[in-house]
């Protein structure tokens, strides 16, 4: 992780605030310095919550997505610019929205909840997606939040009907000689016929271009998307895939998810619904999404299972952690927070664990699964997308680390869980967020908790 001077300033500030005590040779805790106040920013309380935050790694400017507002803040949290995104006349039952065709539902003043905030560094713009009109996105100039574009004339412009702030996650894949791509993953809220759960979209250089947010590829039979079949909802009526985190690494794009499934407990003849955390992987260049693979992830310590993913962050190993894990210092490491159990998504238990995964080891597990399936062993094992007992088909080909699938044996599920290495547990104050970076060969993690504490 390369840190700009502005990011380093923030990190030093947080570190300074946290390192408030030290241990003397006699064992007494000594204050390093008097407590210094946090710098804070409070928005318009009438508008409601803050939803998302991104920091420009080049300037240190902070972009804050809120209800009906986008704020641009300085490094010391002074407001530089605001952009109003709502409220506006709308009804969540209008699809397509009334700005495309007449809607018979009553329209009322409706808040615009920010659902995604991404910096497009290549084109110097902010992608801000909200809940109005089934989830359209604005493109705003980073300097002054001037609206560069707001495409909403085609059905693929409506990205998600879910009105929760944590329901959408996007990853930009950038190219030097062609338009970038936006991989976007979203909960579909029972509307799979309208919204794909994952898709890849065009990010055109011209913010008002006709092709902005169009599928990277789309014909009568194949498209750059995955849809949840309607039949899935007859088995699990409230089925959805909740996207917690996403990133790109090497030739792949990854999303970390939480999703319900039905299992038969040992000794029981009936099935019960639980939640499973899964990592989803796609090739960056796979326009048909034949490379879709998902693998369950979780953590265990002292016989206690932590299976409900709360947060994640990708970092590098660093020399010291790398040595203990048997990997290289530049290898990708996933820092993850799980809460105990796997039955309550919305009311997670307070017991939680910070666990790490070596991304290469997850990819090795996926490669093993692909190789066995292409030998004709087992079934596709993706119950929510296809019937679970569809057998794998045999094919004579070499499957290396960068294999991107064929129009067979896809999409594919891995049945056995990849277990992370637990490095810290918290029993009373659930961990809810995490970031990490390497400093002088050490791996450092900052964890936020349910009660508002920050742990280093």
Protein backbone atom coordinates (compact mmCIF):
# COMPACT_ATOMS: atom_id res chain seq x y z
CA UNK A 1 0.00 0.00 0.00
CA UNK A 2 1.58 3.27 -1.14
CA UNK A 3 0.65 6.19 1.09
CA UNK A 4 0.59 9.77 -0.15
CA UNK A 5 1.82 12.56 2.17
CA UNK A 6 -1.82 13.47 2.86
CA UNK A 7 -2.78 9.90 3.75
CA UNK A 8 0.33 9.66 5.94
CA UNK A 9 -0.78 12.81 7.75
CA UNK A 10 -4.10 11.15 8.56
CA UNK A 11 -2.41 7.94 9.67
CA UNK A 12 -0.02 9.84 11.90
CA UNK A 13 -2.91 11.74 13.44
CA UNK A 14 -4.79 8.55 14.27
CA UNK A 15 -1.61 6.86 15.53
CA UNK A 16 -0.82 9.90 17.69
CA UNK A 17 -4.24 9.79 19.28
CA UNK A 18 -4.10 6.07 19.92
CA UNK A 19 -0.56 5.87 21.34
CA UNK A 20 -1.53 7.72 24.48
CA UNK A 21 0.17 5.42 27.02
CA UNK A 22 3.41 3.53 27.39
CA UNK A 23 4.74 1.14 30.03
CA UNK A 24 7.56 2.33 32.29
CA UNK A 25 10.34 -0.04 33.49
CA UNK A 26 8.41 -0.31 36.75
CA UNK A 27 5.29 -1.48 34.89
CA UNK A 28 3.30 1.72 35.40
CA UNK A 29 1.41 3.18 32.45
CA UNK A 30 2.77 6.62 31.61
CA UNK A 31 1.03 9.17 29.36
CA UNK A 32 3.08 10.09 26.32
CA UNK A 33 1.37 13.46 26.03
CA UNK A 34 -1.91 15.13 27.02
CA UNK A 35 -4.97 13.96 25.11
CA UNK A 36 -5.50 15.83 21.87
CA UNK A 37 -9.00 16.30 20.48
CA UNK A 38 -10.14 14.58 17.32
CA UNK A 39 -10.93 16.83 14.38
CA UNK A 40 -14.63 16.41 13.63
CA UNK A 41 -17.17 17.37 11.00
CA UNK A 42 -20.92 17.50 11.59
CA UNK A 43 -23.26 17.86 8.64
CA UNK A 44 -26.81 19.12 8.52
CA UNK A 45 -28.60 16.98 11.12
CA UNK A 46 -31.90 17.44 9.31
CA UNK A 47 -30.55 15.62 6.26
CA UNK A 48 -29.77 12.34 8.06
CA UNK A 49 -26.84 9.98 8.06
CA UNK A 50 -23.47 9.91 6.36
CA UNK A 51 -23.23 6.83 4.14
CA UNK A 52 -19.81 6.59 2.43
CA UNK A 53 -16.39 8.21 2.50
CA UNK A 54 -13.46 8.18 0.06
CA UNK A 55 -10.13 10.02 0.25
CA UNK A 56 -8.28 11.31 -2.81
CA UNK A 57 -4.85 9.72 -2.35
CA UNK A 58 -3.23 12.50 -4.37
CA UNK A 59 -4.60 15.54 -2.52
CA UNK A 60 -5.97 14.21 0.76
CA UNK A 61 -9.37 15.76 -0.01
CA UNK A 62 -12.26 13.83 1.51
CA UNK A 63 -15.51 13.09 -0.32
CA UNK A 64 -18.46 12.24 1.88
CA UNK A 65 -21.66 10.67 0.58
CA UNK A 66 -24.68 11.49 2.72
CA UNK A 67 -28.45 11.57 2.47
CA UNK A 68 -29.25 14.21 -0.21
CA UNK A 69 -25.68 15.60 -0.15
CA UNK A 70 -22.16 15.01 -1.40
CA UNK A 71 -19.53 16.93 0.57
CA UNK A 72 -15.96 17.74 -0.39
CA UNK A 73 -13.84 18.37 2.70
CA UNK A 74 -10.27 19.55 3.22
CA UNK A 75 -7.75 17.44 5.13
CA UNK A 76 -8.75 19.27 8.33
CA UNK A 77 -12.46 18.58 7.67
CA UNK A 78 -13.47 22.04 6.45
CA UNK A 79 -16.25 22.08 3.84
CA UNK A 80 -14.92 23.05 0.42
CA UNK A 81 -17.93 22.25 -1.77
CA UNK A 82 -21.34 20.60 -1.42
CA UNK A 83 -23.54 19.07 -4.10
CA UNK A 84 -27.24 18.44 -3.54
CA UNK A 85 -28.56 15.06 -4.76
CA UNK A 86 -32.12 15.12 -3.38
CA UNK A 87 -34.87 14.95 -2.32
CA UNK A 88 -36.98 14.56 -5.46
CA UNK A 89 -40.39 13.24 -6.52
CA UNK A 90 -40.14 9.45 -6.70
CA UNK A 91 -41.66 6.11 -5.74
CA UNK A 92 -39.53 2.97 -5.29
CA UNK A 93 -42.21 0.91 -7.06
CA UNK A 94 -41.71 2.80 -10.34
CA UNK A 95 -39.62 0.69 -12.69
CA UNK A 96 -38.45 1.98 -15.03
CA UNK A 97 -38.65 5.30 -13.15
CA UNK A 98 -41.14 7.98 -14.10
CA UNK A 99 -38.35 9.97 -15.78
CA UNK A 100 -38.42 7.27 -18.48
CA UNK A 101 -42.08 6.32 -18.60
CA UNK A 102 -45.28 7.26 -16.83
CA UNK A 103 -45.71 5.64 -13.43
CA UNK A 104 -49.10 5.03 -11.84
CA UNK A 105 -47.70 4.95 -8.32
CA UNK A 106 -48.09 8.14 -6.23
CA UNK A 107 -44.96 10.28 -6.28
CA UNK A 108 -43.76 11.85 -3.04
CA UNK A 109 -40.65 13.85 -2.02
CA UNK A 110 -38.05 11.09 -1.52
CA UNK A 111 -34.59 11.23 0.03
CA UNK A 112 -31.56 10.20 -2.00
CA UNK A 113 -29.42 7.83 0.09
CA UNK A 114 -25.84 7.60 -1.16
CA UNK A 115 -25.16 3.94 -2.00
CA UNK A 116 -21.75 4.10 -3.66
CA UNK A 117 -18.90 6.61 -3.88
CA UNK A 118 -15.88 5.94 -6.10
CA UNK A 119 -13.04 8.13 -7.35
CA UNK A 120 -12.27 7.68 -11.04
CA UNK A 121 -8.69 8.95 -10.97
CA UNK A 122 -8.08 8.54 -14.69
CA UNK A 123 -10.87 10.98 -15.62
CA UNK A 124 -10.68 13.12 -12.46
CA UNK A 125 -14.31 12.52 -11.49
CA UNK A 126 -16.42 11.12 -8.68
CA UNK A 127 -19.00 8.38 -9.28
CA UNK A 128 -21.87 8.94 -6.82
CA UNK A 129 -24.75 6.47 -6.93
CA UNK A 130 -27.93 7.05 -4.96
CA UNK A 131 -31.26 5.43 -4.15
CA UNK A 132 -33.48 7.73 -6.25
CA UNK A 133 -34.98 6.37 -9.50
CA UNK A 134 -33.89 2.75 -8.87
CA UNK A 135 -30.27 3.66 -8.29
CA UNK A 136 -28.86 6.03 -10.89
CA UNK A 137 -25.31 7.39 -10.72
CA UNK A 138 -23.97 10.89 -11.20
CA UNK A 139 -20.49 11.75 -12.45
CA UNK A 140 -19.13 14.79 -10.63
CA UNK A 141 -15.92 16.73 -11.30
CA UNK A 142 -13.54 16.24 -8.37
CA UNK A 143 -12.48 19.89 -8.25
CA UNK A 144 -15.87 21.54 -7.73
CA UNK A 145 -18.48 18.68 -7.78
CA UNK A 146 -19.90 20.07 -11.01
CA UNK A 147 -22.24 17.49 -12.59
CA UNK A 148 -20.51 16.09 -15.67
CA UNK A 149 -23.16 13.51 -16.47
CA UNK A 150 -26.18 11.63 -15.10
CA UNK A 151 -27.21 8.85 -17.53
CA UNK A 152 -30.72 7.49 -16.91
CA UNK A 153 -32.33 6.76 -20.29
CA UNK A 154 -31.70 3.00 -20.60
CA UNK A 155 -32.68 0.13 -18.37
CA UNK A 156 -29.04 -0.72 -17.61
CA UNK A 157 -28.61 2.74 -16.07
CA UNK A 158 -30.68 1.63 -13.04
CA UNK A 159 -28.18 -0.19 -10.90
CA UNK A 160 -30.07 -1.26 -7.78
CA UNK A 161 -33.49 -0.73 -6.28
CA UNK A 162 -32.31 -1.39 -2.72
CA UNK A 163 -32.44 1.71 -0.55
CA UNK A 164 -29.81 0.64 2.00
CA UNK A 165 -26.50 2.48 2.04
CA UNK A 166 -24.49 -0.74 2.31
CA UNK A 167 -26.10 -2.52 -0.62
CA UNK A 168 -23.74 -1.69 -3.53
CA UNK A 169 -20.01 -2.14 -4.05
CA UNK A 170 -18.00 -1.10 -7.11
CA UNK A 171 -14.49 -1.79 -8.37
CA UNK A 172 -12.87 0.19 -11.22
CA UNK A 173 -10.51 -1.66 -13.55
CA UNK A 174 -8.31 0.87 -15.32
CA UNK A 175 -6.55 0.62 -18.69
CA UNK A 176 -3.97 2.89 -20.32
CA UNK A 177 -5.19 2.52 -23.91
CA UNK A 178 -8.96 1.96 -23.64
CA UNK A 179 -12.02 2.88 -21.60
CA UNK A 180 -12.07 1.63 -18.03
CA UNK A 181 -14.58 -0.87 -16.63
CA UNK A 182 -16.75 -0.67 -13.56
CA UNK A 183 -17.54 -3.99 -11.88
CA UNK A 184 -20.62 -3.35 -9.80
CA UNK A 185 -22.19 -5.74 -7.31
CA UNK A 186 -25.53 -5.15 -5.60
CA UNK A 187 -28.26 -6.67 -3.50
CA UNK A 188 -31.36 -7.02 -5.72
CA UNK A 189 -34.08 -6.89 -3.02
CA UNK A 190 -36.34 -9.51 -4.63
CA UNK A 191 -36.13 -7.94 -8.11
CA UNK A 192 -33.74 -10.27 -9.98
CA UNK A 193 -35.63 -9.72 -13.23
CA UNK A 194 -34.58 -6.04 -13.13
CA UNK A 195 -31.11 -6.06 -11.61
CA UNK A 196 -28.09 -8.35 -12.08
CA UNK A 197 -26.32 -9.14 -8.83
CA UNK A 198 -22.91 -8.57 -10.49
CA UNK A 199 -22.15 -6.89 -13.82
CA UNK A 200 -19.34 -5.09 -15.61
CA UNK A 201 -20.08 -1.69 -17.14
CA UNK A 202 -18.35 0.70 -19.53
CA UNK A 203 -16.76 3.81 -18.02
CA UNK A 204 -16.43 6.04 -21.05
CA UNK A 205 -14.05 9.00 -21.18
CA UNK A 206 -16.98 11.27 -22.09
CA UNK A 207 -19.25 11.47 -19.04
CA UNK A 208 -22.27 12.15 -21.27
CA UNK A 209 -21.54 9.41 -23.82
CA UNK A 210 -24.42 7.15 -24.81
CA UNK A 211 -22.48 4.05 -23.76
CA UNK A 212 -21.78 5.16 -20.18
CA UNK A 213 -22.66 2.31 -17.74
CA UNK A 214 -23.72 0.03 -20.62
CA UNK A 215 -22.78 -3.63 -20.17
CA UNK A 216 -19.27 -4.37 -21.42
CA UNK A 217 -20.83 -7.07 -23.60
CA UNK A 218 -24.48 -7.88 -24.27
CA UNK A 219 -26.17 -9.95 -26.98
CA UNK A 220 -29.26 -12.14 -27.13
CA UNK A 221 -27.72 -15.00 -25.18
CA UNK A 222 -24.69 -13.74 -23.23
CA UNK A 223 -23.92 -10.61 -21.22
CA UNK A 224 -21.38 -9.31 -18.75
CA UNK A 225 -23.59 -10.07 -15.78
CA UNK A 226 -24.86 -12.68 -13.32
CA UNK A 227 -28.56 -12.75 -12.44
CA UNK A 228 -30.16 -14.61 -9.55
CA UNK A 229 -32.83 -16.98 -10.95
CA UNK A 230 -36.38 -16.26 -9.82
CA UNK A 231 -36.71 -19.92 -8.79
CA UNK A 232 -34.20 -19.30 -6.01
CA UNK A 233 -36.76 -17.14 -4.20
CA UNK A 234 -39.24 -20.02 -4.01
CA UNK A 235 -36.68 -21.91 -1.90
CA UNK A 236 -35.39 -18.94 0.13
CA UNK A 237 -37.98 -16.11 -0.14
CA UNK A 238 -35.67 -13.44 1.31
CA UNK A 239 -32.60 -14.59 -0.63
CA UNK A 240 -30.07 -11.94 -1.59
CA UNK A 241 -26.33 -11.53 -1.87
CA UNK A 242 -24.94 -8.75 0.32
CA UNK A 243 -21.62 -7.32 -0.84
CA UNK A 244 -19.29 -6.30 2.00
CA UNK A 245 -16.07 -5.47 0.14
CA UNK A 246 -14.47 -5.59 -3.30
CA UNK A 247 -11.04 -5.14 -4.88
CA UNK A 248 -8.89 -6.08 -7.87
CA UNK A 249 -5.62 -8.01 -7.75
CA UNK A 250 -3.62 -9.41 -10.63
CA UNK A 251 -5.95 -10.56 -13.41
CA UNK A 252 -9.01 -10.83 -11.17
CA UNK A 253 -11.76 -8.85 -9.47
CA UNK A 254 -12.97 -10.08 -6.09
CA UNK A 255 -16.05 -9.44 -3.96
CA UNK A 256 -16.61 -10.57 -0.38
CA UNK A 257 -20.23 -11.44 0.28
CA UNK A 258 -22.74 -12.60 2.83
CA UNK A 259 -25.62 -14.76 1.59
CA UNK A 260 -28.31 -17.06 3.02
CA UNK A 261 -28.50 -20.77 2.31
CA UNK A 262 -30.49 -23.74 3.57
CA UNK A 263 -28.62 -26.47 5.45
CA UNK A 264 -29.59 -29.68 7.24
CA UNK A 265 -28.16 -29.64 10.78
CA UNK A 266 -26.57 -32.91 11.93
CA UNK A 267 -29.25 -35.41 12.98
CA UNK A 268 -32.11 -33.26 11.65
CA UNK A 269 -34.49 -34.06 8.78
CA UNK A 270 -35.51 -30.43 8.30
CA UNK A 271 -33.49 -27.60 6.81
CA UNK A 272 -32.77 -24.26 8.44
CA UNK A 273 -31.57 -20.97 7.02
CA UNK A 274 -28.09 -19.77 7.88
CA UNK A 275 -25.76 -17.15 6.42
CA UNK A 276 -22.51 -18.02 4.67
CA UNK A 277 -19.65 -15.67 3.89
CA UNK A 278 -18.18 -16.23 0.44
CA UNK A 279 -15.45 -14.77 -1.73
CA UNK A 280 -16.46 -14.31 -5.39
CA UNK A 281 -13.81 -14.14 -8.13
CA UNK A 282 -14.06 -13.03 -11.77
CA UNK A 283 -11.45 -12.45 -14.47
CA UNK A 284 -11.10 -8.80 -15.43
CA UNK A 285 -11.24 -9.66 -19.14
CA UNK A 286 -14.12 -12.16 -18.94
CA UNK A 287 -16.98 -10.47 -20.81
CA UNK A 288 -19.26 -13.53 -20.56
CA UNK A 289 -18.66 -14.12 -16.81
CA UNK A 290 -17.65 -17.76 -17.41
CA UNK A 291 -14.92 -17.32 -14.79
CA UNK A 292 -17.38 -16.81 -11.89
CA UNK A 293 -16.27 -18.88 -8.87
CA UNK A 294 -17.28 -18.50 -5.25
CA UNK A 295 -15.66 -20.07 -2.19
CA UNK A 296 -16.89 -20.05 1.44
CA UNK A 297 -14.63 -18.31 3.96
CA UNK A 298 -14.68 -18.24 7.73
CA UNK A 299 -12.63 -18.35 10.89
CA UNK A 300 -12.38 -20.52 14.00
CA UNK A 301 -10.62 -20.11 17.34
CA UNK A 302 -10.76 -22.38 20.39
CA UNK A 303 -13.71 -24.27 18.90
CA UNK A 304 -15.75 -21.08 18.31
CA UNK A 305 -16.83 -20.44 14.71
CA UNK A 306 -16.87 -16.92 13.28
CA UNK A 307 -18.80 -17.00 10.02
CA UNK A 308 -20.64 -13.68 9.58
CA UNK A 309 -18.42 -11.30 7.61
CA UNK A 310 -18.56 -7.71 8.89
CA UNK A 311 -15.72 -5.94 7.04
CA UNK A 312 -12.54 -6.56 5.04
CA UNK A 313 -9.49 -4.77 3.67
CA UNK A 314 -6.73 -5.75 1.25
CA UNK A 315 -3.14 -4.99 2.21
CA UNK A 316 0.37 -6.33 1.67
CA UNK A 317 2.04 -8.80 4.00
CA UNK A 318 5.17 -6.80 4.86
CA UNK A 319 8.44 -8.53 5.66
CA UNK A 320 7.70 -9.57 9.26
CA UNK A 321 4.21 -11.00 8.73
CA UNK A 322 5.31 -12.54 5.42
CA UNK A 323 8.07 -14.46 7.17
CA UNK A 324 5.66 -15.99 9.68
CA UNK A 325 3.15 -16.90 6.93
CA UNK A 326 5.73 -18.30 4.51
CA UNK A 327 4.88 -15.81 1.74
CA UNK A 328 6.55 -12.81 0.10
CA UNK A 329 6.36 -9.28 1.59
CA UNK A 330 4.45 -8.03 -1.50
CA UNK A 331 1.87 -10.84 -1.36
CA UNK A 332 -1.75 -9.73 -0.91
CA UNK A 333 -3.28 -10.30 2.51
CA UNK A 334 -6.98 -9.97 3.33
CA UNK A 335 -7.72 -8.57 6.78
CA UNK A 336 -11.27 -9.61 7.69
CA UNK A 337 -13.66 -9.16 10.61
CA UNK A 338 -16.21 -11.89 11.34
CA UNK A 339 -18.81 -12.08 14.10
CA UNK A 340 -19.65 -15.31 15.89
CA UNK A 341 -22.02 -17.88 14.38
CA UNK A 342 -23.86 -17.71 11.09
CA UNK A 343 -27.59 -17.43 11.80
CA UNK A 344 -28.29 -13.73 12.38
CA UNK A 345 -27.29 -11.35 9.63
CA UNK A 346 -29.04 -8.26 10.95
CA UNK A 347 -28.41 -8.92 14.66
CA UNK A 348 -24.85 -10.20 14.78
CA UNK A 349 -23.49 -11.37 18.11
CA UNK A 350 -20.97 -9.14 19.87
CA UNK A 351 -18.23 -11.79 19.82
CA UNK A 352 -16.00 -11.13 16.81
CA UNK A 353 -12.61 -12.06 15.37
CA UNK A 354 -10.00 -10.34 13.21
CA UNK A 355 -8.64 -12.92 10.77
CA UNK A 356 -6.20 -12.86 7.89
CA UNK A 357 -6.20 -14.76 4.60
CA UNK A 358 -3.35 -15.12 2.12
CA UNK A 359 -5.01 -14.36 -1.22
CA UNK A 360 -2.66 -16.73 -3.06
CA UNK A 361 -3.87 -19.62 -0.90
CA UNK A 362 -7.50 -18.86 -1.74
CA UNK A 363 -6.57 -18.76 -5.43
CA UNK A 364 -4.77 -22.10 -5.06
CA UNK A 365 -7.97 -23.60 -3.60
CA UNK A 366 -9.98 -22.21 -6.52
CA UNK A 367 -7.47 -23.63 -9.02
CA UNK A 368 -7.70 -27.07 -7.39
CA UNK A 369 -11.49 -26.93 -7.67
CA UNK A 370 -11.38 -25.88 -11.33
CA UNK A 371 -8.93 -28.69 -12.15
CA UNK A 372 -11.09 -31.33 -10.46
CA UNK A 373 -14.27 -30.07 -12.13
CA UNK A 374 -12.65 -30.10 -15.58
CA UNK A 375 -11.62 -33.69 -14.87
CA UNK A 376 -15.34 -34.38 -14.57
CA UNK A 377 -15.30 -34.79 -10.77
CA UNK A 378 -18.22 -33.63 -8.63
CA UNK A 379 -20.99 -31.15 -9.37
CA UNK A 380 -21.12 -27.40 -9.94
CA UNK A 381 -22.06 -26.89 -6.27
CA UNK A 382 -23.75 -23.51 -6.62
CA UNK A 383 -27.21 -24.12 -5.23
CA UNK A 384 -28.60 -20.61 -5.65
CA UNK A 385 -27.67 -20.31 -9.33
CA UNK A 386 -28.11 -23.81 -10.72
CA UNK A 387 -29.45 -27.08 -9.42
CA UNK A 388 -26.82 -28.45 -7.08
CA UNK A 389 -26.37 -31.84 -8.70
CA UNK A 390 -25.42 -30.69 -12.22
CA UNK A 391 -22.27 -32.76 -12.87
CA UNK A 392 -18.95 -31.24 -13.91
CA UNK A 393 -18.00 -31.95 -17.53
CA UNK A 394 -14.62 -33.36 -18.47
CA UNK A 395 -12.35 -31.44 -20.85
CA UNK A 396 -8.72 -31.92 -21.83
CA UNK A 397 -7.04 -28.59 -21.13
CA UNK A 398 -4.44 -27.04 -18.87
CA UNK A 399 -5.79 -24.93 -16.03
CA UNK A 400 -3.16 -22.50 -14.77
CA UNK A 401 -3.30 -19.67 -12.23
CA UNK A 402 -4.97 -17.30 -14.72
CA UNK A 403 -7.60 -19.63 -16.21
CA UNK A 404 -10.75 -17.67 -17.07
CA UNK A 405 -13.34 -20.38 -17.76
CA UNK A 406 -15.25 -21.71 -20.75
CA UNK A 407 -18.96 -21.83 -21.51
CA UNK A 408 -19.07 -25.04 -19.47
CA UNK A 409 -18.61 -25.82 -15.78
CA UNK A 410 -19.62 -22.29 -14.94
CA UNK A 411 -20.55 -20.61 -12.72
CA UNK A 412 -18.82 -22.79 -10.14
CA UNK A 413 -18.91 -23.12 -6.38
CA UNK A 414 -16.28 -24.45 -4.00
CA UNK A 415 -17.86 -26.59 -1.30
CA UNK A 416 -15.11 -26.68 1.35
CA UNK A 417 -14.50 -23.55 3.41
CA UNK A 418 -11.18 -21.70 3.38
CA UNK A 419 -10.31 -20.86 6.97
CA UNK A 420 -8.57 -17.66 7.94
CA UNK A 421 -5.93 -17.24 10.63
CA UNK A 422 -7.45 -15.60 13.75
CA UNK A 423 -5.13 -12.95 15.16
CA UNK A 424 -7.38 -11.07 17.60
CA UNK A 425 -10.81 -11.65 19.19
CA UNK A 426 -13.21 -9.28 20.95
CA UNK A 427 -16.06 -10.65 23.08
CA UNK A 428 -17.97 -7.59 24.25
CA UNK A 429 -17.68 -4.80 21.66
CA UNK A 430 -18.19 -6.20 18.16
CA UNK A 431 -15.60 -5.18 15.59
CA UNK A 432 -17.31 -3.63 12.57
CA UNK A 433 -14.58 -2.18 10.32
CA UNK A 434 -10.91 -2.65 9.50
CA UNK A 435 -8.07 -1.07 7.50
CA UNK A 436 -4.42 -2.13 7.39
CA UNK A 437 -1.08 -1.07 5.96
CA UNK A 438 2.64 -1.82 6.23
CA UNK A 439 4.98 0.49 8.14
CA UNK A 440 8.70 -0.30 8.51
CA UNK A 441 8.08 -3.95 7.61
CA UNK A 442 5.33 -4.29 10.24
CA UNK A 443 1.68 -4.94 9.38
CA UNK A 444 -0.62 -2.57 11.27
CA UNK A 445 -4.39 -2.85 11.48
CA UNK A 446 -6.92 -0.30 12.70
CA UNK A 447 -10.25 -1.74 13.82
CA UNK A 448 -13.47 0.15 14.56
CA UNK A 449 -16.03 -1.26 16.99
CA UNK A 450 -19.79 -1.17 17.48
CA UNK A 451 -19.51 1.32 20.39
CA UNK A 452 -17.27 3.72 18.45
CA UNK A 453 -13.85 2.64 19.77
CA UNK A 454 -10.77 2.56 17.56
CA UNK A 455 -8.20 -0.16 18.18
CA UNK A 456 -4.69 -0.27 16.74
